[in-house]
């Protein structure tokens, strides 16, 4: 039986999570993390997808994306396939890197979206990668450091400006 297609539409918000197969690390070092972010940034700019939040954890990642010119499925296929191929080549491995297909949760409530940005950006603290928010301020592998202006990724929606989210409900 074919799996159900994901719900998507221009302007839809998606909380996306992808884990390493058997919960193994998908980011072994900063070279892996930077490779992933460079791919993500390029695809986001090419497709007019908006990224509102993101965090890289060794064995998974979170993204909060708003559908742009291409369906989220196309964006994610390009991102995950390209990253997996380069990761496998770099680490002399073969086979699947990601466990199952990525999880995509459609978000519709304005208040939930603001909380979701916070939740995603605080993941490195909860995972013990950084000890507190003060360290998170300097952590370059989550969108929080962009919000406060410590790191600049020109593909993150607000590009260091204060977080002012404008959402519309999608039915």
N, C-alpha and C. Protein backbone atom coordinates (compact mmCIF):
# COMPACT_ATOMS: atom_id res chain seq x y z
N UNK A 1 0.84 -1.17 0.00
CA UNK A 1 0.00 0.00 0.00
C UNK A 1 0.89 1.24 0.00
N UNK A 2 0.68 2.18 -0.92
CA UNK A 2 1.52 3.37 -0.97
C UNK A 2 1.30 4.24 0.27
N UNK A 3 2.36 4.93 0.66
CA UNK A 3 2.20 5.79 1.83
C UNK A 3 1.47 7.06 1.44
N UNK A 4 0.83 7.63 2.44
CA UNK A 4 0.04 8.84 2.23
C UNK A 4 0.97 10.02 1.92
N UNK A 5 0.59 10.82 0.93
CA UNK A 5 1.41 11.99 0.59
C UNK A 5 1.28 13.04 1.69
N UNK A 6 2.31 13.83 1.81
CA UNK A 6 2.32 14.88 2.84
C UNK A 6 1.46 16.06 2.38
N UNK A 7 0.87 16.73 3.35
CA UNK A 7 0.09 17.93 3.06
C UNK A 7 1.06 19.10 2.91
N UNK A 8 0.89 19.85 1.84
CA UNK A 8 1.75 21.01 1.60
C UNK A 8 1.00 21.99 0.72
N UNK A 9 1.35 23.24 0.83
CA UNK A 9 0.80 24.31 0.00
C UNK A 9 1.73 25.51 0.12
N UNK A 10 1.76 26.38 -0.87
CA UNK A 10 2.59 27.58 -0.74
C UNK A 10 2.26 28.32 0.55
N UNK A 11 3.28 28.66 1.32
CA UNK A 11 3.08 29.38 2.57
C UNK A 11 2.83 28.50 3.78
N UNK A 12 2.78 27.19 3.62
CA UNK A 12 2.56 26.28 4.76
C UNK A 12 3.83 26.19 5.60
N UNK A 13 3.65 26.07 6.92
CA UNK A 13 4.77 25.93 7.85
C UNK A 13 4.94 24.47 8.24
N UNK A 14 6.19 24.00 8.26
CA UNK A 14 6.49 22.61 8.58
C UNK A 14 7.59 22.53 9.63
N UNK A 15 7.33 21.78 10.70
CA UNK A 15 8.38 21.43 11.65
C UNK A 15 8.92 20.09 11.16
N UNK A 16 10.19 20.08 10.77
CA UNK A 16 10.79 18.90 10.17
C UNK A 16 11.87 18.35 11.09
N UNK A 17 11.83 17.01 11.25
CA UNK A 17 12.82 16.32 12.07
C UNK A 17 13.32 15.13 11.27
N UNK A 18 14.63 14.95 11.23
CA UNK A 18 15.21 13.76 10.60
C UNK A 18 16.28 13.22 11.54
N UNK A 19 16.27 11.90 11.74
CA UNK A 19 17.21 11.23 12.65
C UNK A 19 18.13 10.32 11.87
N UNK A 20 19.30 10.08 12.47
CA UNK A 20 20.24 9.11 11.92
C UNK A 20 19.69 7.71 12.08
N UNK A 21 20.05 6.84 11.14
CA UNK A 21 19.60 5.46 11.20
C UNK A 21 20.11 4.82 12.50
N UNK A 22 19.24 4.09 13.16
CA UNK A 22 19.53 3.50 14.47
C UNK A 22 20.03 4.56 15.46
N UNK A 23 19.55 5.78 15.28
CA UNK A 23 19.91 6.92 16.13
C UNK A 23 21.40 7.23 16.13
N UNK A 24 22.09 6.84 15.06
CA UNK A 24 23.52 7.12 14.97
C UNK A 24 23.74 8.57 14.55
N UNK A 25 24.95 9.05 14.78
CA UNK A 25 25.27 10.44 14.47
C UNK A 25 25.24 10.69 12.96
N UNK A 26 24.63 11.79 12.59
CA UNK A 26 24.64 12.24 11.20
C UNK A 26 25.61 13.41 11.03
N UNK A 27 26.03 13.99 12.15
CA UNK A 27 27.02 15.06 12.16
C UNK A 27 28.15 14.62 13.07
N UNK A 28 29.28 14.25 12.49
CA UNK A 28 30.41 13.76 13.29
C UNK A 28 31.34 14.89 13.72
N UNK A 29 31.33 16.00 12.99
CA UNK A 29 32.23 17.11 13.32
C UNK A 29 31.70 18.39 12.66
N UNK A 30 32.43 19.48 12.87
CA UNK A 30 31.99 20.76 12.32
C UNK A 30 32.03 20.79 10.80
N UNK A 31 32.89 20.00 10.19
CA UNK A 31 32.91 19.93 8.72
C UNK A 31 31.57 19.38 8.22
N UNK A 32 31.05 18.34 8.88
CA UNK A 32 29.73 17.80 8.52
C UNK A 32 28.65 18.85 8.73
N UNK A 33 28.67 19.51 9.87
CA UNK A 33 27.65 20.52 10.18
C UNK A 33 27.69 21.65 9.16
N UNK A 34 28.88 22.14 8.84
CA UNK A 34 29.00 23.22 7.85
C UNK A 34 28.57 22.78 6.46
N UNK A 35 28.88 21.55 6.09
CA UNK A 35 28.44 21.00 4.80
C UNK A 35 26.91 21.02 4.75
N UNK A 36 26.26 20.54 5.81
CA UNK A 36 24.80 20.50 5.86
C UNK A 36 24.23 21.91 5.75
N UNK A 37 24.78 22.85 6.52
CA UNK A 37 24.26 24.22 6.50
C UNK A 37 24.47 24.90 5.16
N UNK A 38 25.60 24.64 4.52
CA UNK A 38 25.83 25.21 3.18
C UNK A 38 24.81 24.67 2.18
N UNK A 39 24.53 23.38 2.25
CA UNK A 39 23.52 22.77 1.37
C UNK A 39 22.14 23.35 1.68
N UNK A 40 21.79 23.41 2.96
CA UNK A 40 20.50 23.95 3.37
C UNK A 40 20.33 25.38 2.89
N UNK A 41 21.34 26.22 3.12
CA UNK A 41 21.26 27.62 2.71
C UNK A 41 21.10 27.78 1.21
N UNK A 42 21.85 27.01 0.44
CA UNK A 42 21.75 27.09 -1.01
C UNK A 42 20.37 26.70 -1.52
N UNK A 43 19.85 25.61 -0.98
CA UNK A 43 18.53 25.13 -1.41
C UNK A 43 17.44 26.10 -0.98
N UNK A 44 17.54 26.64 0.22
CA UNK A 44 16.54 27.60 0.71
C UNK A 44 16.50 28.83 -0.20
N UNK A 45 17.66 29.34 -0.56
CA UNK A 45 17.70 30.53 -1.42
C UNK A 45 17.18 30.22 -2.82
N UNK A 46 17.56 29.07 -3.37
CA UNK A 46 17.13 28.69 -4.73
C UNK A 46 15.62 28.50 -4.83
N UNK A 47 14.99 28.03 -3.76
CA UNK A 47 13.58 27.65 -3.81
C UNK A 47 12.65 28.67 -3.15
N UNK A 48 13.21 29.78 -2.65
CA UNK A 48 12.41 30.78 -1.93
C UNK A 48 11.68 30.18 -0.74
N UNK A 49 12.28 29.19 -0.13
CA UNK A 49 11.76 28.61 1.10
C UNK A 49 12.24 29.49 2.24
N UNK A 50 11.39 29.72 3.23
CA UNK A 50 11.79 30.51 4.40
C UNK A 50 12.14 29.58 5.54
N UNK A 51 13.27 29.85 6.18
CA UNK A 51 13.68 29.08 7.35
C UNK A 51 13.56 29.98 8.57
N UNK A 52 12.74 29.56 9.53
CA UNK A 52 12.50 30.35 10.74
C UNK A 52 13.25 29.82 11.94
N UNK A 53 13.57 28.53 11.91
CA UNK A 53 14.26 27.93 13.04
C UNK A 53 14.98 26.67 12.62
N UNK A 54 16.09 26.38 13.30
CA UNK A 54 16.84 25.17 13.00
C UNK A 54 17.81 24.89 14.13
N UNK A 55 18.12 23.61 14.30
CA UNK A 55 19.12 23.19 15.27
C UNK A 55 19.70 21.86 14.81
N UNK A 56 21.02 21.76 14.88
CA UNK A 56 21.71 20.52 14.54
C UNK A 56 22.17 19.85 15.82
N UNK A 57 21.73 18.62 16.02
CA UNK A 57 22.10 17.78 17.15
C UNK A 57 22.89 16.63 16.53
N UNK A 58 23.84 16.01 17.23
CA UNK A 58 24.66 15.00 16.55
C UNK A 58 23.87 13.93 15.78
N UNK A 59 22.76 13.45 16.33
CA UNK A 59 22.05 12.36 15.66
C UNK A 59 20.73 12.76 14.98
N UNK A 60 20.42 14.04 14.97
CA UNK A 60 19.20 14.50 14.28
C UNK A 60 19.24 16.01 14.08
N UNK A 61 18.25 16.52 13.37
CA UNK A 61 18.12 17.97 13.23
C UNK A 61 16.65 18.34 13.23
N UNK A 62 16.41 19.62 13.53
CA UNK A 62 15.08 20.23 13.48
C UNK A 62 15.14 21.41 12.54
N UNK A 63 14.08 21.59 11.75
CA UNK A 63 13.93 22.76 10.89
C UNK A 63 12.51 23.27 11.02
N UNK A 64 12.32 24.56 10.92
CA UNK A 64 10.99 25.15 10.78
C UNK A 64 11.02 25.91 9.46
N UNK A 65 10.34 25.35 8.46
CA UNK A 65 10.37 25.90 7.11
C UNK A 65 8.98 26.32 6.66
N UNK A 66 8.94 27.34 5.83
CA UNK A 66 7.71 27.79 5.19
C UNK A 66 7.86 27.52 3.70
N UNK A 67 6.92 26.80 3.13
CA UNK A 67 6.98 26.42 1.72
C UNK A 67 7.08 27.65 0.84
N UNK A 68 8.01 27.59 -0.11
CA UNK A 68 8.21 28.67 -1.07
C UNK A 68 7.78 28.24 -2.45
N UNK A 69 8.71 28.34 -3.41
CA UNK A 69 8.41 28.02 -4.81
C UNK A 69 8.31 26.53 -5.09
N UNK A 70 8.94 25.71 -4.26
CA UNK A 70 8.93 24.26 -4.46
C UNK A 70 8.30 23.59 -3.25
N UNK A 71 7.67 22.44 -3.45
CA UNK A 71 7.12 21.70 -2.31
C UNK A 71 8.23 21.34 -1.32
N UNK A 72 7.87 21.27 -0.05
CA UNK A 72 8.83 20.89 0.99
C UNK A 72 9.44 19.52 0.68
N UNK A 73 8.67 18.62 0.11
CA UNK A 73 9.20 17.28 -0.22
C UNK A 73 10.38 17.39 -1.18
N UNK A 74 10.32 18.28 -2.14
CA UNK A 74 11.41 18.47 -3.10
C UNK A 74 12.63 19.08 -2.40
N UNK A 75 12.39 20.07 -1.57
CA UNK A 75 13.46 20.71 -0.80
C UNK A 75 14.17 19.66 0.05
N UNK A 76 13.40 18.86 0.77
CA UNK A 76 13.99 17.87 1.68
C UNK A 76 14.68 16.75 0.91
N UNK A 77 14.13 16.33 -0.19
CA UNK A 77 14.78 15.28 -0.99
C UNK A 77 16.15 15.76 -1.45
N UNK A 78 16.22 16.97 -1.95
CA UNK A 78 17.50 17.52 -2.40
C UNK A 78 18.49 17.64 -1.25
N UNK A 79 18.02 18.15 -0.11
CA UNK A 79 18.89 18.34 1.05
C UNK A 79 19.40 17.00 1.58
N UNK A 80 18.48 16.08 1.84
CA UNK A 80 18.88 14.82 2.48
C UNK A 80 19.70 13.93 1.57
N UNK A 81 19.32 13.84 0.30
CA UNK A 81 20.08 13.01 -0.63
C UNK A 81 21.48 13.56 -0.84
N UNK A 82 21.58 14.86 -1.11
CA UNK A 82 22.89 15.47 -1.32
C UNK A 82 23.78 15.34 -0.10
N UNK A 83 23.21 15.58 1.08
CA UNK A 83 24.01 15.47 2.30
C UNK A 83 24.44 14.03 2.56
N UNK A 84 23.53 13.08 2.41
CA UNK A 84 23.86 11.67 2.66
C UNK A 84 24.96 11.19 1.74
N UNK A 85 24.89 11.53 0.46
CA UNK A 85 25.92 11.12 -0.50
C UNK A 85 27.28 11.69 -0.10
N UNK A 86 27.33 12.98 0.21
CA UNK A 86 28.62 13.59 0.57
C UNK A 86 29.13 13.06 1.91
N UNK A 87 28.23 12.86 2.86
CA UNK A 87 28.62 12.31 4.17
C UNK A 87 29.18 10.91 4.02
N UNK A 88 28.49 10.07 3.26
CA UNK A 88 28.96 8.70 3.08
C UNK A 88 30.31 8.67 2.37
N UNK A 89 30.47 9.51 1.37
CA UNK A 89 31.75 9.56 0.65
C UNK A 89 32.87 10.01 1.59
N UNK A 90 32.61 11.06 2.35
CA UNK A 90 33.63 11.61 3.25
C UNK A 90 34.04 10.63 4.33
N UNK A 91 33.07 9.85 4.84
CA UNK A 91 33.34 8.93 5.95
C UNK A 91 33.51 7.49 5.48
N UNK A 92 33.69 7.28 4.19
CA UNK A 92 33.91 5.94 3.61
C UNK A 92 32.88 4.94 4.12
N UNK A 93 31.64 5.30 3.98
CA UNK A 93 30.56 4.40 4.38
C UNK A 93 29.56 4.30 3.25
N UNK A 94 28.66 3.33 3.35
CA UNK A 94 27.61 3.18 2.35
C UNK A 94 26.30 2.88 3.07
N UNK A 95 25.22 2.99 2.35
CA UNK A 95 23.91 2.68 2.91
C UNK A 95 23.19 3.92 3.41
N UNK A 96 22.07 3.67 4.04
CA UNK A 96 21.21 4.76 4.52
C UNK A 96 21.87 5.52 5.66
N UNK A 97 21.71 6.81 5.64
CA UNK A 97 22.19 7.67 6.72
C UNK A 97 21.03 8.03 7.64
N UNK A 98 19.86 8.23 7.06
CA UNK A 98 18.70 8.68 7.83
C UNK A 98 17.74 7.53 8.11
N UNK A 99 17.12 7.58 9.28
CA UNK A 99 16.15 6.58 9.70
C UNK A 99 14.79 6.93 9.12
N UNK A 100 14.23 6.01 8.34
CA UNK A 100 12.93 6.22 7.73
C UNK A 100 12.92 7.52 6.93
N UNK A 101 11.73 8.05 6.64
CA UNK A 101 11.69 9.35 6.00
C UNK A 101 11.57 10.41 7.08
N UNK A 102 11.88 11.61 6.74
CA UNK A 102 11.83 12.68 7.73
C UNK A 102 10.40 12.87 8.23
N UNK A 103 10.29 13.37 9.44
CA UNK A 103 8.99 13.67 10.03
C UNK A 103 8.66 15.12 9.72
N UNK A 104 7.45 15.38 9.25
CA UNK A 104 7.02 16.74 8.94
C UNK A 104 5.69 16.99 9.62
N UNK A 105 5.65 17.98 10.49
CA UNK A 105 4.44 18.33 11.22
C UNK A 105 3.97 19.68 10.69
N UNK A 106 2.79 19.71 10.12
CA UNK A 106 2.21 20.95 9.60
C UNK A 106 1.78 21.81 10.78
N UNK A 107 2.18 23.08 10.78
CA UNK A 107 1.89 24.00 11.88
C UNK A 107 0.94 25.06 11.40
N UNK A 108 -0.09 25.35 12.19
CA UNK A 108 -1.08 26.30 11.74
C UNK A 108 -1.37 27.43 12.72
N UNK A 109 -1.06 27.25 13.98
CA UNK A 109 -1.41 28.25 14.97
C UNK A 109 -0.29 29.25 15.20
N UNK A 110 -0.59 30.54 15.14
CA UNK A 110 0.41 31.58 15.34
C UNK A 110 1.16 31.40 16.66
N UNK A 111 0.43 31.19 17.75
CA UNK A 111 1.06 31.06 19.06
C UNK A 111 1.95 29.83 19.12
N UNK A 112 1.54 28.75 18.48
CA UNK A 112 2.35 27.53 18.47
C UNK A 112 3.65 27.76 17.70
N UNK A 113 3.60 28.51 16.61
CA UNK A 113 4.80 28.75 15.81
C UNK A 113 5.86 29.50 16.60
N UNK A 114 5.47 30.50 17.34
CA UNK A 114 6.44 31.24 18.16
C UNK A 114 7.08 30.32 19.20
N UNK A 115 6.26 29.49 19.84
CA UNK A 115 6.79 28.53 20.82
C UNK A 115 7.69 27.50 20.15
N UNK A 116 7.33 27.11 18.93
CA UNK A 116 8.12 26.12 18.20
C UNK A 116 9.51 26.66 17.87
N UNK A 117 9.61 27.92 17.50
CA UNK A 117 10.92 28.53 17.25
C UNK A 117 11.78 28.42 18.51
N UNK A 118 11.19 28.73 19.67
CA UNK A 118 11.92 28.63 20.93
C UNK A 118 12.34 27.18 21.21
N UNK A 119 11.38 26.27 21.04
CA UNK A 119 11.65 24.85 21.29
C UNK A 119 12.82 24.35 20.43
N UNK A 120 12.78 24.66 19.14
CA UNK A 120 13.82 24.20 18.22
C UNK A 120 15.17 24.79 18.62
N UNK A 121 15.21 26.09 18.89
CA UNK A 121 16.49 26.74 19.19
C UNK A 121 17.06 26.34 20.54
N UNK A 122 16.22 25.88 21.46
CA UNK A 122 16.73 25.43 22.76
C UNK A 122 17.17 23.97 22.76
N UNK A 123 17.01 23.26 21.66
CA UNK A 123 17.40 21.85 21.59
C UNK A 123 18.85 21.59 22.01
N UNK A 124 19.83 22.39 21.59
CA UNK A 124 21.20 22.12 22.03
C UNK A 124 21.38 22.19 23.55
N UNK A 125 20.61 23.02 24.23
CA UNK A 125 20.67 23.07 25.69
C UNK A 125 20.08 21.78 26.27
N UNK A 126 18.90 21.39 25.80
CA UNK A 126 18.26 20.17 26.29
C UNK A 126 19.09 18.92 26.00
N UNK A 127 19.82 18.94 24.89
CA UNK A 127 20.64 17.79 24.52
C UNK A 127 21.99 17.78 25.24
N UNK A 128 22.29 18.84 25.99
CA UNK A 128 23.55 18.91 26.72
C UNK A 128 24.75 19.30 25.86
N UNK A 129 24.51 19.80 24.65
CA UNK A 129 25.59 20.22 23.77
C UNK A 129 26.20 21.53 24.29
N UNK A 130 25.34 22.41 24.76
CA UNK A 130 25.77 23.62 25.45
C UNK A 130 25.11 23.60 26.82
N UNK A 131 25.75 24.24 27.81
CA UNK A 131 25.23 24.11 29.18
C UNK A 131 24.07 25.05 29.50
N UNK A 132 24.00 26.20 28.80
CA UNK A 132 22.94 27.15 29.10
C UNK A 132 22.73 28.10 27.92
N UNK A 133 21.80 29.03 28.08
CA UNK A 133 21.46 29.95 27.00
C UNK A 133 22.64 30.87 26.69
N UNK A 134 23.43 31.21 27.69
CA UNK A 134 24.60 32.06 27.45
C UNK A 134 25.56 31.37 26.47
N UNK A 135 25.77 30.07 26.63
CA UNK A 135 26.61 29.32 25.68
C UNK A 135 25.90 29.17 24.34
N UNK A 136 24.57 29.02 24.38
CA UNK A 136 23.79 28.89 23.15
C UNK A 136 23.94 30.14 22.29
N UNK A 137 24.10 31.30 22.94
CA UNK A 137 24.28 32.56 22.21
C UNK A 137 25.44 32.47 21.22
N UNK A 138 26.47 31.68 21.57
CA UNK A 138 27.67 31.56 20.73
C UNK A 138 27.69 30.28 19.90
N UNK A 139 26.72 29.42 20.07
CA UNK A 139 26.70 28.13 19.37
C UNK A 139 26.27 28.35 17.92
N UNK A 140 27.16 28.08 16.95
CA UNK A 140 26.86 28.42 15.55
C UNK A 140 25.97 27.41 14.82
N UNK A 141 25.53 26.35 15.51
CA UNK A 141 24.79 25.31 14.81
C UNK A 141 23.32 25.23 15.25
N UNK A 142 22.78 26.40 15.58
CA UNK A 142 21.34 26.56 15.85
C UNK A 142 20.98 27.99 15.50
N UNK A 143 19.75 28.21 15.12
CA UNK A 143 19.30 29.51 14.67
C UNK A 143 19.29 30.59 15.73
N UNK A 144 19.39 30.21 16.99
CA UNK A 144 19.37 31.20 18.07
C UNK A 144 20.50 32.22 17.92
N UNK A 145 21.69 31.75 17.57
CA UNK A 145 22.83 32.66 17.44
C UNK A 145 22.64 33.66 16.30
N UNK A 146 21.81 33.31 15.33
CA UNK A 146 21.50 34.24 14.24
C UNK A 146 20.53 35.30 14.75
N UNK A 147 19.53 34.88 15.52
CA UNK A 147 18.54 35.81 16.05
C UNK A 147 19.20 36.92 16.85
N UNK A 148 20.20 36.56 17.66
CA UNK A 148 20.82 37.57 18.52
C UNK A 148 22.00 38.27 17.83
N UNK A 149 22.25 37.94 16.58
CA UNK A 149 23.25 38.65 15.80
C UNK A 149 24.69 38.21 15.99
N UNK A 150 24.93 37.04 16.60
CA UNK A 150 26.30 36.55 16.80
C UNK A 150 26.82 35.82 15.56
N UNK A 151 25.92 35.24 14.78
CA UNK A 151 26.28 34.50 13.57
C UNK A 151 25.37 35.00 12.46
N UNK A 152 25.87 35.05 11.24
CA UNK A 152 25.04 35.50 10.12
C UNK A 152 24.92 34.41 9.07
N UNK A 153 23.74 33.89 8.90
CA UNK A 153 23.41 33.02 7.77
C UNK A 153 22.37 33.77 6.97
N UNK A 154 22.72 34.18 5.75
CA UNK A 154 21.83 35.04 4.98
C UNK A 154 20.56 34.33 4.51
N UNK A 155 20.46 33.04 4.76
CA UNK A 155 19.27 32.29 4.37
C UNK A 155 18.26 32.17 5.50
N UNK A 156 18.65 32.53 6.71
CA UNK A 156 17.68 32.47 7.81
C UNK A 156 16.77 33.68 7.68
N UNK A 157 15.49 33.47 7.79
CA UNK A 157 14.47 34.45 7.41
C UNK A 157 14.71 35.85 7.94
N UNK A 158 15.00 36.00 9.21
CA UNK A 158 15.11 37.35 9.77
C UNK A 158 16.53 37.85 9.79
N UNK A 159 17.50 37.06 9.39
CA UNK A 159 18.89 37.49 9.20
C UNK A 159 19.42 38.39 10.30
N UNK A 160 19.23 37.98 11.54
CA UNK A 160 19.78 38.72 12.66
C UNK A 160 18.90 39.82 13.20
N UNK A 161 17.83 40.15 12.48
CA UNK A 161 16.90 41.16 13.00
C UNK A 161 16.12 40.54 14.16
N UNK A 162 15.54 41.33 15.04
CA UNK A 162 14.73 40.78 16.13
C UNK A 162 13.62 39.89 15.56
N UNK A 163 13.32 38.85 16.28
CA UNK A 163 12.32 37.88 15.82
C UNK A 163 10.93 38.51 15.86
N UNK A 164 10.42 38.82 14.70
CA UNK A 164 9.06 39.34 14.55
C UNK A 164 8.41 38.46 13.50
N UNK A 165 7.62 37.52 13.95
CA UNK A 165 7.02 36.55 13.03
C UNK A 165 5.65 37.02 12.60
N UNK A 166 5.38 36.94 11.32
CA UNK A 166 4.07 37.25 10.80
C UNK A 166 3.55 35.97 10.14
N UNK A 167 2.49 35.44 10.70
CA UNK A 167 1.95 34.18 10.22
C UNK A 167 0.53 34.36 9.73
N UNK A 168 0.14 33.50 8.85
CA UNK A 168 -1.25 33.42 8.44
C UNK A 168 -1.70 32.00 8.68
N UNK A 169 -2.96 31.84 9.00
CA UNK A 169 -3.49 30.50 9.21
C UNK A 169 -3.73 29.82 7.89
N UNK A 170 -3.44 28.53 7.81
CA UNK A 170 -3.68 27.74 6.60
C UNK A 170 -4.71 26.69 6.93
N UNK A 171 -5.72 26.58 6.11
CA UNK A 171 -6.78 25.60 6.37
C UNK A 171 -6.74 24.49 5.37
